[in-house]
């Protein structure tokens, strides 16, 4: 299978999670202790191993070979557009939440005193 890498690198843990081979980041230690993972033909046990374009990850017991490839110009353009849209939406939501928080509190009212249990 091919994996298109849009960044400079991806860690082994993130790659396996992104592909659904492991369920969570916490599962990687157990996975690496039970499964043989080959990085460019060499045994790999580091969850943070940086994987770049041109590298190959093989899971022989599962019959999976992952080839890391570079995106095409169109794929890269689409990825950058999607990333920019996500950032725009996140900024908009943050602004809306900030305005909502301000509107709930009357401007001239004093803030309520902090109360501690038992006082």
PDB file of N, CA and C in Angstrom:
ATOM      1  N   UNK A   1       0.854  -1.177   0.000  1.00  0.00           N
ATOM      2  CA  UNK A   1       0.000   0.000   0.000  1.00  0.00           C
ATOM      3  C   UNK A   1       0.894   1.233   0.000  1.00  0.00           C
ATOM      4  N   UNK A   2       0.388   2.286  -0.569  1.00  0.00           N
ATOM      5  CA  UNK A   2       1.115   3.554  -0.595  1.00  0.00           C
ATOM      6  C   UNK A   2       0.533   4.499   0.444  1.00  0.00           C
ATOM      7  N   UNK A   3       1.410   5.289   1.056  1.00  0.00           N
ATOM      8  CA  UNK A   3       0.989   6.321   2.007  1.00  0.00           C
ATOM      9  C   UNK A   3       1.569   7.641   1.514  1.00  0.00           C
ATOM     10  N   UNK A   4       0.711   8.594   1.245  1.00  0.00           N
ATOM     11  CA  UNK A   4       1.150   9.906   0.758  1.00  0.00           C
ATOM     12  C   UNK A   4       1.531  10.764   1.960  1.00  0.00           C
ATOM     13  N   UNK A   5       2.759  11.224   1.979  1.00  0.00           N
ATOM     14  CA  UNK A   5       3.280  12.028   3.085  1.00  0.00           C
ATOM     15  C   UNK A   5       3.337  13.495   2.678  1.00  0.00           C
ATOM     16  N   UNK A   6       2.560  14.335   3.375  1.00  0.00           N
ATOM     17  CA  UNK A   6       2.494  15.754   3.039  1.00  0.00           C
ATOM     18  C   UNK A   6       3.466  16.598   3.838  1.00  0.00           C
ATOM     19  N   UNK A   7       3.977  16.067   4.936  1.00  0.00           N
ATOM     20  CA  UNK A   7       4.912  16.811   5.780  1.00  0.00           C
ATOM     21  C   UNK A   7       6.326  16.299   5.529  1.00  0.00           C
ATOM     22  N   UNK A   8       7.291  16.827   6.286  1.00  0.00           N
ATOM     23  CA  UNK A   8       8.680  16.389   6.132  1.00  0.00           C
ATOM     24  C   UNK A   8       8.844  14.933   6.566  1.00  0.00           C
ATOM     25  N   UNK A   9       8.160  14.566   7.664  1.00  0.00           N
ATOM     26  CA  UNK A   9       8.250  13.199   8.166  1.00  0.00           C
ATOM     27  C   UNK A   9       7.008  12.871   8.976  1.00  0.00           C
ATOM     28  N   UNK A  10       6.849  11.590   9.313  1.00  0.00           N
ATOM     29  CA  UNK A  10       5.801  11.124  10.210  1.00  0.00           C
ATOM     30  C   UNK A  10       6.456  10.077  11.107  1.00  0.00           C
ATOM     31  N   UNK A  11       6.041  10.015  12.365  1.00  0.00           N
ATOM     32  CA  UNK A  11       6.615   9.002  13.251  1.00  0.00           C
ATOM     33  C   UNK A  11       5.947   7.657  12.980  1.00  0.00           C
ATOM     34  N   UNK A  12       6.636   6.600  13.348  1.00  0.00           N
ATOM     35  CA  UNK A  12       6.091   5.255  13.166  1.00  0.00           C
ATOM     36  C   UNK A  12       4.754   5.119  13.889  1.00  0.00           C
ATOM     37  N   UNK A  13       4.699   5.636  15.105  1.00  0.00           N
ATOM     38  CA  UNK A  13       3.468   5.579  15.900  1.00  0.00           C
ATOM     39  C   UNK A  13       2.316   6.273  15.177  1.00  0.00           C
ATOM     40  N   UNK A  14       2.550   7.478  14.691  1.00  0.00           N
ATOM     41  CA  UNK A  14       1.502   8.245  13.999  1.00  0.00           C
ATOM     42  C   UNK A  14       1.079   7.562  12.699  1.00  0.00           C
ATOM     43  N   UNK A  15       2.033   6.980  11.984  1.00  0.00           N
ATOM     44  CA  UNK A  15       1.717   6.288  10.737  1.00  0.00           C
ATOM     45  C   UNK A  15       0.799   5.092  10.994  1.00  0.00           C
ATOM     46  N   UNK A  16       1.165   4.265  11.961  1.00  0.00           N
ATOM     47  CA  UNK A  16       0.360   3.076  12.258  1.00  0.00           C
ATOM     48  C   UNK A  16      -1.027   3.453  12.771  1.00  0.00           C
ATOM     49  N   UNK A  17      -1.104   4.529  13.534  1.00  0.00           N
ATOM     50  CA  UNK A  17      -2.405   4.989  14.033  1.00  0.00           C
ATOM     51  C   UNK A  17      -3.237   5.549  12.874  1.00  0.00           C
ATOM     52  N   UNK A  18      -2.619   6.343  12.021  1.00  0.00           N
ATOM     53  CA  UNK A  18      -3.324   6.956  10.897  1.00  0.00           C
ATOM     54  C   UNK A  18      -3.879   5.902   9.938  1.00  0.00           C
ATOM     55  N   UNK A  19      -3.172   4.804   9.781  1.00  0.00           N
ATOM     56  CA  UNK A  19      -3.612   3.737   8.890  1.00  0.00           C
ATOM     57  C   UNK A  19      -4.586   2.766   9.558  1.00  0.00           C
ATOM     58  N   UNK A  20      -4.815   2.948  10.862  1.00  0.00           N
ATOM     59  CA  UNK A  20      -5.754   2.090  11.577  1.00  0.00           C
ATOM     60  C   UNK A  20      -5.167   0.743  11.978  1.00  0.00           C
ATOM     61  N   UNK A  21      -3.862   0.611  11.916  1.00  0.00           N
ATOM     62  CA  UNK A  21      -3.212  -0.639  12.305  1.00  0.00           C
ATOM     63  C   UNK A  21      -3.196  -0.769  13.820  1.00  0.00           C
ATOM     64  N   UNK A  22      -3.020   0.355  14.511  1.00  0.00           N
ATOM     65  CA  UNK A  22      -3.181   0.394  15.969  1.00  0.00           C
ATOM     66  C   UNK A  22      -4.319   1.351  16.277  1.00  0.00           C
ATOM     67  N   UNK A  23      -4.979   1.127  17.414  1.00  0.00           N
ATOM     68  CA  UNK A  23      -6.160   1.926  17.756  1.00  0.00           C
ATOM     69  C   UNK A  23      -5.809   3.273  18.374  1.00  0.00           C
ATOM     70  N   UNK A  24      -4.714   3.313  19.147  1.00  0.00           N
ATOM     71  CA  UNK A  24      -4.344   4.559  19.810  1.00  0.00           C
ATOM     72  C   UNK A  24      -2.833   4.625  19.936  1.00  0.00           C
ATOM     73  N   UNK A  25      -2.348   5.805  20.274  1.00  0.00           N
ATOM     74  CA  UNK A  25      -0.918   5.978  20.473  1.00  0.00           C
ATOM     75  C   UNK A  25      -0.384   5.129  21.613  1.00  0.00           C
ATOM     76  N   UNK A  26      -1.232   4.881  22.616  1.00  0.00           N
ATOM     77  CA  UNK A  26      -0.812   4.082  23.764  1.00  0.00           C
ATOM     78  C   UNK A  26      -0.629   2.611  23.433  1.00  0.00           C
ATOM     79  N   UNK A  27      -1.183   2.161  22.322  1.00  0.00           N
ATOM     80  CA  UNK A  27      -1.100   0.754  21.941  1.00  0.00           C
ATOM     81  C   UNK A  27       0.209   0.399  21.248  1.00  0.00           C
ATOM     82  N   UNK A  28       1.018   1.404  20.931  1.00  0.00           N
ATOM     83  CA  UNK A  28       2.212   1.153  20.124  1.00  0.00           C
ATOM     84  C   UNK A  28       3.248   0.301  20.850  1.00  0.00           C
ATOM     85  N   UNK A  29       3.453   0.511  22.146  1.00  0.00           N
ATOM     86  CA  UNK A  29       4.468  -0.267  22.868  1.00  0.00           C
ATOM     87  C   UNK A  29       4.152  -1.751  22.817  1.00  0.00           C
ATOM     88  N   UNK A  30       2.914  -2.101  23.119  1.00  0.00           N
ATOM     89  CA  UNK A  30       2.505  -3.497  23.063  1.00  0.00           C
ATOM     90  C   UNK A  30       2.607  -4.058  21.658  1.00  0.00           C
ATOM     91  N   UNK A  31       2.215  -3.261  20.684  1.00  0.00           N
ATOM     92  CA  UNK A  31       2.268  -3.690  19.287  1.00  0.00           C
ATOM     93  C   UNK A  31       3.701  -3.998  18.878  1.00  0.00           C
ATOM     94  N   UNK A  32       4.629  -3.081  19.207  1.00  0.00           N
ATOM     95  CA  UNK A  32       6.024  -3.270  18.817  1.00  0.00           C
ATOM     96  C   UNK A  32       6.676  -4.438  19.546  1.00  0.00           C
ATOM     97  N   UNK A  33       6.193  -4.758  20.754  1.00  0.00           N
ATOM     98  CA  UNK A  33       6.770  -5.881  21.485  1.00  0.00           C
ATOM     99  C   UNK A  33       6.232  -7.214  20.959  1.00  0.00           C
ATOM    100  N   UNK A  34       5.061  -7.204  20.314  1.00  0.00           N
ATOM    101  CA  UNK A  34       4.443  -8.445  19.830  1.00  0.00           C
ATOM    102  C   UNK A  34       4.621  -8.666  18.329  1.00  0.00           C
ATOM    103  N   UNK A  35       4.782  -7.601  17.564  1.00  0.00           N
ATOM    104  CA  UNK A  35       4.848  -7.702  16.106  1.00  0.00           C
ATOM    105  C   UNK A  35       6.223  -7.303  15.587  1.00  0.00           C
ATOM    106  N   UNK A  36       6.641  -7.958  14.521  1.00  0.00           N
ATOM    107  CA  UNK A  36       7.869  -7.591  13.840  1.00  0.00           C
ATOM    108  C   UNK A  36       7.562  -6.435  12.896  1.00  0.00           C
ATOM    109  N   UNK A  37       8.308  -5.342  13.044  1.00  0.00           N
ATOM    110  CA  UNK A  37       8.150  -4.179  12.172  1.00  0.00           C
ATOM    111  C   UNK A  37       9.511  -3.916  11.532  1.00  0.00           C
ATOM    112  N   UNK A  38       9.523  -3.849  10.205  1.00  0.00           N
ATOM    113  CA  UNK A  38      10.763  -3.599   9.482  1.00  0.00           C
ATOM    114  C   UNK A  38      10.723  -2.208   8.860  1.00  0.00           C
ATOM    115  N   UNK A  39      11.795  -1.460   9.085  1.00  0.00           N
ATOM    116  CA  UNK A  39      11.972  -0.136   8.485  1.00  0.00           C
ATOM    117  C   UNK A  39      13.074  -0.279   7.451  1.00  0.00           C
ATOM    118  N   UNK A  40      12.721  -0.168   6.171  1.00  0.00           N
ATOM    119  CA  UNK A  40      13.678  -0.364   5.072  1.00  0.00           C
ATOM    120  C   UNK A  40      14.435  -1.678   5.232  1.00  0.00           C
ATOM    121  N   UNK A  41      13.729  -2.730   5.672  1.00  0.00           N
ATOM    122  CA  UNK A  41      14.317  -4.060   5.794  1.00  0.00           C
ATOM    123  C   UNK A  41      14.989  -4.358   7.124  1.00  0.00           C
ATOM    124  N   UNK A  42      15.114  -3.366   7.990  1.00  0.00           N
ATOM    125  CA  UNK A  42      15.759  -3.545   9.295  1.00  0.00           C
ATOM    126  C   UNK A  42      14.703  -3.528  10.396  1.00  0.00           C
ATOM    127  N   UNK A  43      14.896  -4.362  11.418  1.00  0.00           N
ATOM    128  CA  UNK A  43      13.954  -4.407  12.537  1.00  0.00           C
ATOM    129  C   UNK A  43      13.908  -3.044  13.232  1.00  0.00           C
ATOM    130  N   UNK A  44      12.685  -2.565  13.509  1.00  0.00           N
ATOM    131  CA  UNK A  44      12.503  -1.258  14.162  1.00  0.00           C
ATOM    132  C   UNK A  44      11.631  -1.418  15.394  1.00  0.00           C
ATOM    133  N   UNK A  45      12.095  -0.874  16.534  1.00  0.00           N
ATOM    134  CA  UNK A  45      11.329  -0.949  17.784  1.00  0.00           C
ATOM    135  C   UNK A  45      11.067   0.418  18.390  1.00  0.00           C
ATOM    136  N   UNK A  46      11.518   1.485  17.720  1.00  0.00           N
ATOM    137  CA  UNK A  46      11.316   2.844  18.243  1.00  0.00           C
ATOM    138  C   UNK A  46      10.015   3.422  17.701  1.00  0.00           C
ATOM    139  N   UNK A  47       9.103   3.747  18.606  1.00  0.00           N
ATOM    140  CA  UNK A  47       7.806   4.279  18.188  1.00  0.00           C
ATOM    141  C   UNK A  47       7.928   5.658  17.560  1.00  0.00           C
ATOM    142  N   UNK A  48       8.960   6.404  17.926  1.00  0.00           N
ATOM    143  CA  UNK A  48       9.150   7.758  17.413  1.00  0.00           C
ATOM    144  C   UNK A  48      10.044   7.841  16.192  1.00  0.00           C
ATOM    145  N   UNK A  49      10.356   6.708  15.596  1.00  0.00           N
ATOM    146  CA  UNK A  49      11.218   6.688  14.410  1.00  0.00           C
ATOM    147  C   UNK A  49      10.611   7.569  13.320  1.00  0.00           C
ATOM    148  N   UNK A  50      11.412   8.494  12.807  1.00  0.00           N
ATOM    149  CA  UNK A  50      10.934   9.399  11.761  1.00  0.00           C
ATOM    150  C   UNK A  50      10.979   8.701  10.409  1.00  0.00           C
ATOM    151  N   UNK A  51       9.847   8.735   9.730  1.00  0.00           N
ATOM    152  CA  UNK A  51       9.709   8.074   8.435  1.00  0.00           C
ATOM    153  C   UNK A  51       9.510   9.157   7.385  1.00  0.00           C
ATOM    154  N   UNK A  52      10.272   9.039   6.307  1.00  0.00           N
ATOM    155  CA  UNK A  52      10.250  10.058   5.263  1.00  0.00           C
ATOM    156  C   UNK A  52       9.892   9.439   3.906  1.00  0.00           C
ATOM    157  N   UNK A  53       9.677  10.300   2.918  1.00  0.00           N
ATOM    158  CA  UNK A  53       9.370   9.856   1.557  1.00  0.00           C
ATOM    159  C   UNK A  53      10.482   8.922   1.080  1.00  0.00           C
ATOM    160  N   UNK A  54      10.081   7.796   0.499  1.00  0.00           N
ATOM    161  CA  UNK A  54      11.042   6.821  -0.015  1.00  0.00           C
ATOM    162  C   UNK A  54      11.265   5.653   0.924  1.00  0.00           C
ATOM    163  N   UNK A  55      10.856   5.794   2.186  1.00  0.00           N
ATOM    164  CA  UNK A  55      11.017   4.713   3.158  1.00  0.00           C
ATOM    165  C   UNK A  55       9.931   3.656   2.959  1.00  0.00           C
ATOM    166  N   UNK A  56      10.230   2.460   3.455  1.00  0.00           N
ATOM    167  CA  UNK A  56       9.276   1.354   3.391  1.00  0.00           C
ATOM    168  C   UNK A  56       9.130   0.745   4.777  1.00  0.00           C
ATOM    169  N   UNK A  57       7.895   0.541   5.204  1.00  0.00           N
ATOM    170  CA  UNK A  57       7.583  -0.121   6.464  1.00  0.00           C
ATOM    171  C   UNK A  57       6.924  -1.449   6.109  1.00  0.00           C
ATOM    172  N   UNK A  58       7.430  -2.527   6.706  1.00  0.00           N
ATOM    173  CA  UNK A  58       6.870  -3.848   6.433  1.00  0.00           C
ATOM    174  C   UNK A  58       6.452  -4.504   7.737  1.00  0.00           C
ATOM    175  N   UNK A  59       5.253  -5.064   7.728  1.00  0.00           N
ATOM    176  CA  UNK A  59       4.738  -5.850   8.847  1.00  0.00           C
ATOM    177  C   UNK A  59       4.549  -7.270   8.301  1.00  0.00           C
ATOM    178  N   UNK A  60       5.628  -8.087   8.320  1.00  0.00           N
ATOM    179  CA  UNK A  60       5.571  -9.394   7.656  1.00  0.00           C
ATOM    180  C   UNK A  60       4.498 -10.328   8.213  1.00  0.00           C
ATOM    181  N   UNK A  61       4.241 -10.287   9.519  1.00  0.00           N
ATOM    182  CA  UNK A  61       3.241 -11.174  10.117  1.00  0.00           C
ATOM    183  C   UNK A  61       1.826 -10.814   9.683  1.00  0.00           C
ATOM    184  N   UNK A  62       1.621  -9.585   9.264  1.00  0.00           N
ATOM    185  CA  UNK A  62       0.305  -9.135   8.822  1.00  0.00           C
ATOM    186  C   UNK A  62       0.209  -9.061   7.299  1.00  0.00           C
ATOM    187  N   UNK A  63       1.332  -9.291   6.622  1.00  0.00           N
ATOM    188  CA  UNK A  63       1.340  -9.238   5.162  1.00  0.00           C
ATOM    189  C   UNK A  63       1.152  -7.825   4.621  1.00  0.00           C
ATOM    190  N   UNK A  64       1.647  -6.821   5.359  1.00  0.00           N
ATOM    191  CA  UNK A  64       1.457  -5.419   4.963  1.00  0.00           C
ATOM    192  C   UNK A  64       2.810  -4.783   4.644  1.00  0.00           C
ATOM    193  N   UNK A  65       2.881  -4.124   3.502  1.00  0.00           N
ATOM    194  CA  UNK A  65       4.041  -3.318   3.143  1.00  0.00           C
ATOM    195  C   UNK A  65       3.532  -1.921   2.824  1.00  0.00           C
ATOM    196  N   UNK A  66       4.131  -0.925   3.474  1.00  0.00           N
ATOM    197  CA  UNK A  66       3.707   0.462   3.300  1.00  0.00           C
ATOM    198  C   UNK A  66       4.849   1.229   2.649  1.00  0.00           C
ATOM    199  N   UNK A  67       4.601   1.749   1.466  1.00  0.00           N
ATOM    200  CA  UNK A  67       5.584   2.558   0.747  1.00  0.00           C
ATOM    201  C   UNK A  67       5.226   4.025   0.961  1.00  0.00           C
ATOM    202  N   UNK A  68       6.171   4.828   1.450  1.00  0.00           N
ATOM    203  CA  UNK A  68       5.925   6.258   1.688  1.00  0.00           C
ATOM    204  C   UNK A  68       6.260   7.014   0.408  1.00  0.00           C
ATOM    205  N   UNK A  69       5.249   7.730  -0.111  1.00  0.00           N
ATOM    206  CA  UNK A  69       5.441   8.446  -1.367  1.00  0.00           C
ATOM    207  C   UNK A  69       5.118   9.930  -1.205  1.00  0.00           C
ATOM    208  N   UNK A  70       5.641  10.719  -2.126  1.00  0.00           N
ATOM    209  CA  UNK A  70       5.392  12.166  -2.136  1.00  0.00           C
ATOM    210  C   UNK A  70       4.075  12.442  -2.856  1.00  0.00           C
ATOM    211  N   UNK A  71       3.386  13.490  -2.463  1.00  0.00           N
ATOM    212  CA  UNK A  71       2.130  13.836  -3.141  1.00  0.00           C
ATOM    213  C   UNK A  71       2.389  14.456  -4.511  1.00  0.00           C
ATOM    214  N   UNK A  72       1.392  14.323  -5.389  1.00  0.00           N
ATOM    215  CA  UNK A  72       1.460  15.007  -6.679  1.00  0.00           C
ATOM    216  C   UNK A  72       1.195  16.490  -6.437  1.00  0.00           C
ATOM    217  N   UNK A  73       1.385  17.297  -7.440  1.00  0.00           N
ATOM    218  CA  UNK A  73       1.153  18.742  -7.310  1.00  0.00           C
ATOM    219  C   UNK A  73      -0.306  19.021  -6.954  1.00  0.00           C
ATOM    220  N   UNK A  74      -1.237  18.302  -7.582  1.00  0.00           N
ATOM    221  CA  UNK A  74      -2.663  18.492  -7.293  1.00  0.00           C
ATOM    222  C   UNK A  74      -3.001  18.081  -5.860  1.00  0.00           C
ATOM    223  N   UNK A  75      -2.468  16.936  -5.438  1.00  0.00           N
ATOM    224  CA  UNK A  75      -2.719  16.461  -4.074  1.00  0.00           C
ATOM    225  C   UNK A  75      -2.162  17.439  -3.047  1.00  0.00           C
ATOM    226  N   UNK A  76      -0.983  17.968  -3.317  1.00  0.00           N
ATOM    227  CA  UNK A  76      -0.373  18.931  -2.403  1.00  0.00           C
ATOM    228  C   UNK A  76      -1.195  20.211  -2.336  1.00  0.00           C
ATOM    229  N   UNK A  77      -1.674  20.684  -3.475  1.00  0.00           N
ATOM    230  CA  UNK A  77      -2.507  21.885  -3.519  1.00  0.00           C
ATOM    231  C   UNK A  77      -3.808  21.681  -2.747  1.00  0.00           C
ATOM    232  N   UNK A  78      -4.461  20.531  -2.952  1.00  0.00           N
ATOM    233  CA  UNK A  78      -5.698  20.226  -2.226  1.00  0.00           C
ATOM    234  C   UNK A  78      -5.454  20.141  -0.728  1.00  0.00           C
ATOM    235  N   UNK A  79      -4.347  19.509  -0.342  1.00  0.00           N
ATOM    236  CA  UNK A  79      -4.008  19.388   1.079  1.00  0.00           C
ATOM    237  C   UNK A  79      -3.802  20.765   1.710  1.00  0.00           C
ATOM    238  N   UNK A  80      -3.093  21.637   1.010  1.00  0.00           N
ATOM    239  CA  UNK A  80      -2.841  22.978   1.540  1.00  0.00           C
ATOM    240  C   UNK A  80      -4.139  23.774   1.651  1.00  0.00           C
ATOM    241  N   UNK A  81      -5.042  23.609   0.690  1.00  0.00           N
ATOM    242  CA  UNK A  81      -6.344  24.284   0.744  1.00  0.00           C
ATOM    243  C   UNK A  81      -7.164  23.782   1.936  1.00  0.00           C
ATOM    244  N   UNK A  82      -7.182  22.464   2.143  1.00  0.00           N
ATOM    245  CA  UNK A  82      -7.918  21.891   3.272  1.00  0.00           C
ATOM    246  C   UNK A  82      -7.331  22.358   4.609  1.00  0.00           C
ATOM    247  N   UNK A  83      -6.024  22.412   4.682  1.00  0.00           N
ATOM    248  CA  UNK A  83      -5.346  22.848   5.905  1.00  0.00           C
ATOM    249  C   UNK A  83      -5.677  24.319   6.201  1.00  0.00           C
ATOM    250  N   UNK A  84      -5.653  25.146   5.176  1.00  0.00           N
ATOM    251  CA  UNK A  84      -5.979  26.564   5.349  1.00  0.00           C
ATOM    252  C   UNK A  84      -7.432  26.732   5.798  1.00  0.00           C
ATOM    253  N   UNK A  85      -8.333  25.934   5.248  1.00  0.00           N
ATOM    254  CA  UNK A  85      -9.747  26.012   5.630  1.00  0.00           C
ATOM    255  C   UNK A  85      -9.942  25.584   7.085  1.00  0.00           C
ATOM    256  N   UNK A  86      -9.260  24.532   7.504  1.00  0.00           N
ATOM    257  CA  UNK A  86      -9.348  24.092   8.903  1.00  0.00           C
ATOM    258  C   UNK A  86      -8.845  25.181   9.850  1.00  0.00           C
ATOM    259  N   UNK A  87      -7.747  25.821   9.482  1.00  0.00           N
ATOM    260  CA  UNK A  87      -7.205  26.904  10.313  1.00  0.00           C
ATOM    261  C   UNK A  87      -8.182  28.081  10.366  1.00  0.00           C
ATOM    262  N   UNK A  88      -8.812  28.407   9.226  1.00  0.00           N
ATOM    263  CA  UNK A  88      -9.777  29.502   9.177  1.00  0.00           C
ATOM    264  C   UNK A  88     -10.969  29.205  10.078  1.00  0.00           C
ATOM    265  N   UNK A  89     -11.494  27.986  10.013  1.00  0.00           N
ATOM    266  CA  UNK A  89     -12.638  27.600  10.834  1.00  0.00           C
ATOM    267  C   UNK A  89     -12.261  27.599  12.315  1.00  0.00           C
ATOM    268  N   UNK A  90     -11.074  27.077  12.644  1.00  0.00           N
ATOM    269  CA  UNK A  90     -10.633  27.055  14.040  1.00  0.00           C
ATOM    270  C   UNK A  90     -10.519  28.476  14.593  1.00  0.00           C
ATOM    271  N   UNK A  91      -9.994  29.383  13.800  1.00  0.00           N
ATOM    272  CA  UNK A  91      -9.865  30.781  14.222  1.00  0.00           C
ATOM    273  C   UNK A  91     -11.246  31.413  14.421  1.00  0.00           C
ATOM    274  N   UNK A  92     -12.170  31.121  13.522  1.00  0.00           N
ATOM    275  CA  UNK A  92     -13.532  31.635  13.614  1.00  0.00           C
ATOM    276  C   UNK A  92     -14.225  31.113  14.877  1.00  0.00           C
ATOM    277  N   UNK A  93     -14.113  29.816  15.150  1.00  0.00           N
ATOM    278  CA  UNK A  93     -14.728  29.224  16.340  1.00  0.00           C
ATOM    279  C   UNK A  93     -14.128  29.827  17.605  1.00  0.00           C
ATOM    280  N   UNK A  94     -12.829  30.016  17.620  1.00  0.00           N
ATOM    281  CA  UNK A  94     -12.161  30.615  18.786  1.00  0.00           C
ATOM    282  C   UNK A  94     -12.688  32.028  19.026  1.00  0.00           C
ATOM    283  N   UNK A  95     -12.831  32.794  17.959  1.00  0.00           N
ATOM    284  CA  UNK A  95     -13.351  34.156  18.063  1.00  0.00           C
ATOM    285  C   UNK A  95     -14.793  34.156  18.559  1.00  0.00           C
ATOM    286  N   UNK A  96     -15.610  33.253  18.035  1.00  0.00           N
ATOM    287  CA  UNK A  96     -17.010  33.170  18.459  1.00  0.00           C
ATOM    288  C   UNK A  96     -17.116  32.788  19.935  1.00  0.00           C
ATOM    289  N   UNK A  97     -16.290  31.856  20.377  1.00  0.00           N
ATOM    290  CA  UNK A  97     -16.298  31.455  21.784  1.00  0.00           C
ATOM    291  C   UNK A  97     -15.875  32.603  22.695  1.00  0.00           C
ATOM    292  N   UNK A  98     -14.889  33.372  22.240  1.00  0.00           N
ATOM    293  CA  UNK A  98     -14.411  34.511  23.022  1.00  0.00           C
ATOM    294  C   UNK A  98     -15.524  35.560  23.146  1.00  0.00           C
ATOM    295  N   UNK A  99     -16.217  35.836  22.041  1.00  0.00           N
ATOM    296  CA  UNK A  99     -17.311  36.810  22.060  1.00  0.00           C
ATOM    297  C   UNK A  99     -18.482  36.316  22.910  1.00  0.00           C
ATOM    298  N   UNK A 100     -18.773  35.031  22.854  1.00  0.00           N
ATOM    299  CA  UNK A 100     -19.849  34.451  23.645  1.00  0.00           C
ATOM    300  C   UNK A 100     -19.538  34.580  25.136  1.00  0.00           C
ATOM    301  N   UNK A 101     -18.306  34.324  25.487  1.00  0.00           N
ATOM    302  CA  UNK A 101     -17.889  34.418  26.885  1.00  0.00           C
ATOM    303  C   UNK A 101     -18.036  35.861  27.381  1.00  0.00           C
ATOM    304  N   UNK A 102     -17.658  36.819  26.536  1.00  0.00           N
ATOM    305  CA  UNK A 102     -17.783  38.231  26.912  1.00  0.00           C
ATOM    306  C   UNK A 102     -19.248  38.635  27.067  1.00  0.00           C
ATOM    307  N   UNK A 103     -20.123  38.143  26.202  1.00  0.00           N
ATOM    308  CA  UNK A 103     -21.526  38.558  26.230  1.00  0.00           C
ATOM    309  C   UNK A 103     -22.280  37.973  27.426  1.00  0.00           C
ATOM    310  N   UNK A 104     -21.826  36.895  27.990  1.00  0.00           N
ATOM    311  CA  UNK A 104     -22.498  36.290  29.145  1.00  0.00           C
ATOM    312  C   UNK A 104     -22.259  37.079  30.423  1.00  0.00           C
ATOM    313  N   UNK A 105     -21.170  37.771  30.510  1.00  0.00           N
ATOM    314  CA  UNK A 105     -20.790  38.508  31.710  1.00  0.00           C
ATOM    315  C   UNK A 105     -21.063  39.998  31.486  1.00  0.00           C
ATOM    316  N   UNK A 106     -21.941  40.611  32.262  1.00  0.00           N
ATOM    317  CA  UNK A 106     -22.125  42.066  32.120  1.00  0.00           C
ATOM    318  C   UNK A 106     -20.789  42.770  32.339  1.00  0.00           C
ATOM    319  N   UNK A 107     -20.549  43.806  31.537  1.00  0.00           N
ATOM    320  CA  UNK A 107     -19.238  44.448  31.545  1.00  0.00           C
ATOM    321  C   UNK A 107     -18.887  45.101  32.878  1.00  0.00           C
ATOM    322  N   UNK A 108     -19.849  45.733  33.531  1.00  0.00           N
ATOM    323  CA  UNK A 108     -19.526  46.481  34.745  1.00  0.00           C
ATOM    324  C   UNK A 108     -19.754  45.700  36.037  1.00  0.00           C
ATOM    325  N   UNK A 109     -20.208  44.459  35.924  1.00  0.00           N
ATOM    326  CA  UNK A 109     -20.474  43.709  37.146  1.00  0.00           C
ATOM    327  C   UNK A 109     -19.183  43.132  37.706  1.00  0.00           C
ATOM    328  N   UNK A 110     -19.073  43.142  39.022  1.00  0.00           N
ATOM    329  CA  UNK A 110     -17.859  42.570  39.613  1.00  0.00           C
ATOM    330  C   UNK A 110     -17.869  41.062  39.441  1.00  0.00           C
ATOM    331  N   UNK A 111     -16.690  40.494  39.348  1.00  0.00           N
ATOM    332  CA  UNK A 111     -16.591  39.051  39.224  1.00  0.00           C
ATOM    333  C   UNK A 111     -16.970  38.430  40.555  1.00  0.00           C
ATOM    334  N   UNK A 112     -17.659  37.294  40.548  1.00  0.00           N
ATOM    335  CA  UNK A 112     -18.025  36.669  41.804  1.00  0.00           C
ATOM    336  C   UNK A 112     -16.788  36.230  42.568  1.00  0.00           C
ATOM    337  N   UNK A 113     -16.875  36.327  43.874  1.00  0.00           N
ATOM    338  CA  UNK A 113     -15.739  35.936  44.717  1.00  0.00           C
ATOM    339  C   UNK A 113     -15.532  34.429  44.631  1.00  0.00           C
ATOM    340  N   UNK A 114     -14.294  34.024  44.724  1.00  0.00           N
ATOM    341  CA  UNK A 114     -13.971  32.605  44.723  1.00  0.00           C
ATOM    342  C   UNK A 114     -14.412  32.041  46.064  1.00  0.00           C
ATOM    343  N   UNK A 115     -15.131  30.943  46.032  1.00  0.00           N
ATOM    344  CA  UNK A 115     -15.604  30.310  47.264  1.00  0.00           C
ATOM    345  C   UNK A 115     -14.900  28.993  47.421  1.00  0.00           C
ATOM    346  N   UNK A 116     -14.456  28.737  48.609  1.00  0.00           N
ATOM    347  CA  UNK A 116     -13.792  27.485  48.925  1.00  0.00           C
ATOM    348  C   UNK A 116     -14.730  26.624  49.736  1.00  0.00           C
ATOM    349  N   UNK A 117     -14.682  25.310  49.569  1.00  0.00           N
ATOM    350  CA  UNK A 117     -15.544  24.425  50.334  1.00  0.00           C
ATOM    351  C   UNK A 117     -15.331  24.612  51.836  1.00  0.00           C
ATOM    352  N   UNK A 118     -16.428  24.634  52.585  1.00  0.00           N
ATOM    353  CA  UNK A 118     -16.336  24.724  54.039  1.00  0.00           C
ATOM    354  C   UNK A 118     -16.253  26.140  54.564  1.00  0.00           C
ATOM    355  N   UNK A 119     -16.344  27.159  53.731  1.00  0.00           N
ATOM    356  CA  UNK A 119     -16.279  28.540  54.231  1.00  0.00           C
ATOM    357  C   UNK A 119     -17.606  29.224  54.070  1.00  0.00           C
TER     358      UNK A 119
END
